[in-house]
Amino acid sequence: MSRLHSGWLLCLVHAWASSISFAGLAPENVAVVVNADSPASVAVANEYVKLRGIPAANVITLSKLSHVEQMPVDKFRDEILGPVLKMIEERGLTLQI
């Protein structure tokens, strides 16, 4: 990942984390989605999980994702949203996340 993309990723995670803290969500109400094929994604996720005390069951790891800057909505639903929602359901987290 380029330095520019890493910088933007960190800024977005910080903004997102700040909004979550402001909203008052407890760690068990947060799902962290990690791109296992991206060392930057894994590093940011690990630090966020550690700092916020996110339960391990709430960490959802995906791999073999498309390497694109943008993707059509249907592809996003198939590769990311569908698997994330399925894992949330399988782990019994639907009512808390």
Protein backbone atom coordinates (compact mmCIF):
# COMPACT_ATOMS: atom_id res chain seq x y z
CA MET A 1 0.00 0.00 0.00
CA SER A 2 1.42 3.39 -0.87
CA ARG A 3 2.21 5.96 1.81
CA LEU A 4 -0.66 8.10 0.52
CA HIS A 5 -3.16 5.25 0.84
CA SER A 6 -1.80 4.31 4.27
CA GLY A 7 -2.18 7.91 5.41
CA TRP A 8 -5.74 8.12 4.19
CA LEU A 9 -6.57 4.78 5.77
CA LEU A 10 -5.27 5.95 9.14
CA CYS A 11 -7.20 9.23 8.87
CA LEU A 12 -10.41 7.42 8.02
CA VAL A 13 -9.99 4.93 10.85
CA HIS A 14 -9.30 7.78 13.27
CA ALA A 15 -12.38 9.69 12.14
CA TRP A 16 -14.49 6.55 12.30
CA ALA A 17 -13.13 5.61 15.73
CA SER A 18 -13.81 9.12 17.02
CA SER A 19 -17.39 9.00 15.82
CA ILE A 20 -17.89 5.61 17.45
CA SER A 21 -16.50 6.88 20.75
CA PHE A 22 -18.74 9.91 20.53
CA ALA A 23 -21.76 7.72 19.83
CA GLY A 24 -21.01 5.77 23.00
CA LEU A 25 -20.90 2.31 21.48
CA ALA A 26 -19.43 -0.34 23.74
CA PRO A 27 -16.67 -2.60 22.39
CA GLU A 28 -19.09 -5.52 22.05
CA ASN A 29 -21.25 -3.40 19.72
CA VAL A 30 -18.46 -2.89 17.18
CA ALA A 31 -17.35 -5.20 14.38
CA VAL A 32 -13.87 -4.73 12.96
CA VAL A 33 -13.46 -5.90 9.37
CA VAL A 34 -9.89 -6.73 8.38
CA ASN A 35 -8.37 -7.36 4.95
CA ALA A 36 -6.05 -10.27 5.79
CA ASP A 37 -4.06 -9.69 2.60
CA SER A 38 -3.09 -6.14 3.62
CA PRO A 39 -0.40 -5.73 6.28
CA ALA A 40 -1.58 -2.14 6.83
CA SER A 41 -5.17 -3.27 7.39
CA VAL A 42 -4.04 -5.96 9.83
CA ALA A 43 -1.80 -3.52 11.73
CA VAL A 44 -4.50 -0.83 12.02
CA ALA A 45 -7.14 -3.39 13.04
CA ASN A 46 -4.89 -4.98 15.67
CA GLU A 47 -4.10 -1.61 17.23
CA TYR A 48 -7.76 -0.53 17.19
CA VAL A 49 -8.91 -3.84 18.73
CA LYS A 50 -6.27 -3.52 21.45
CA LEU A 51 -7.04 0.13 22.25
CA ARG A 52 -10.83 -0.28 22.30
CA GLY A 53 -10.95 -3.76 23.85
CA ILE A 54 -12.95 -5.23 20.98
CA PRO A 55 -13.79 -8.92 21.64
CA ALA A 56 -12.02 -11.40 19.34
CA ALA A 57 -15.40 -12.70 18.11
CA ASN A 58 -16.11 -9.22 16.73
CA VAL A 59 -13.04 -9.23 14.48
CA ILE A 60 -14.01 -10.35 10.98
CA THR A 61 -11.15 -11.22 8.67
CA LEU A 62 -11.62 -11.39 4.91
CA SER A 63 -9.07 -12.50 2.33
CA LYS A 64 -8.73 -12.80 -1.43
CA LEU A 65 -10.53 -9.50 -1.97
CA SER A 66 -10.34 -7.65 -5.26
CA HIS A 67 -7.40 -5.25 -5.44
CA VAL A 68 -9.24 -2.22 -6.78
CA GLU A 69 -9.74 1.38 -5.69
CA GLN A 70 -13.44 1.22 -6.54
CA MET A 71 -15.85 -1.63 -7.14
CA PRO A 72 -19.43 -1.94 -8.33
CA VAL A 73 -22.06 -2.26 -5.61
CA ASP A 74 -22.91 -5.85 -6.60
CA LYS A 75 -19.28 -6.92 -6.26
CA PHE A 76 -19.03 -5.15 -2.86
CA ARG A 77 -22.12 -7.02 -1.69
CA ASP A 78 -20.72 -10.36 -2.88
CA GLU A 79 -17.13 -9.98 -1.65
CA ILE A 80 -17.49 -7.91 1.51
CA LEU A 81 -20.98 -7.16 2.81
CA GLY A 82 -22.41 -10.67 2.34
CA PRO A 83 -19.53 -12.49 4.05
CA VAL A 84 -19.42 -9.94 6.90
CA LEU A 85 -23.16 -10.23 7.59
CA LYS A 86 -22.92 -14.04 7.39
CA MET A 87 -20.09 -14.14 9.95
CA ILE A 88 -21.95 -11.76 12.27
CA GLU A 89 -24.97 -14.06 12.13
CA GLU A 90 -22.93 -17.27 12.54
CA ARG A 91 -21.23 -15.83 15.63
CA GLY A 92 -24.55 -14.83 17.21
CA LEU A 93 -23.71 -11.12 17.10
CA THR A 94 -26.69 -9.91 15.07
CA LEU A 95 -28.53 -8.27 17.98
CA GLN A 96 -25.49 -6.47 19.39
CA ILE A 97 -23.81 -5.10 16.26
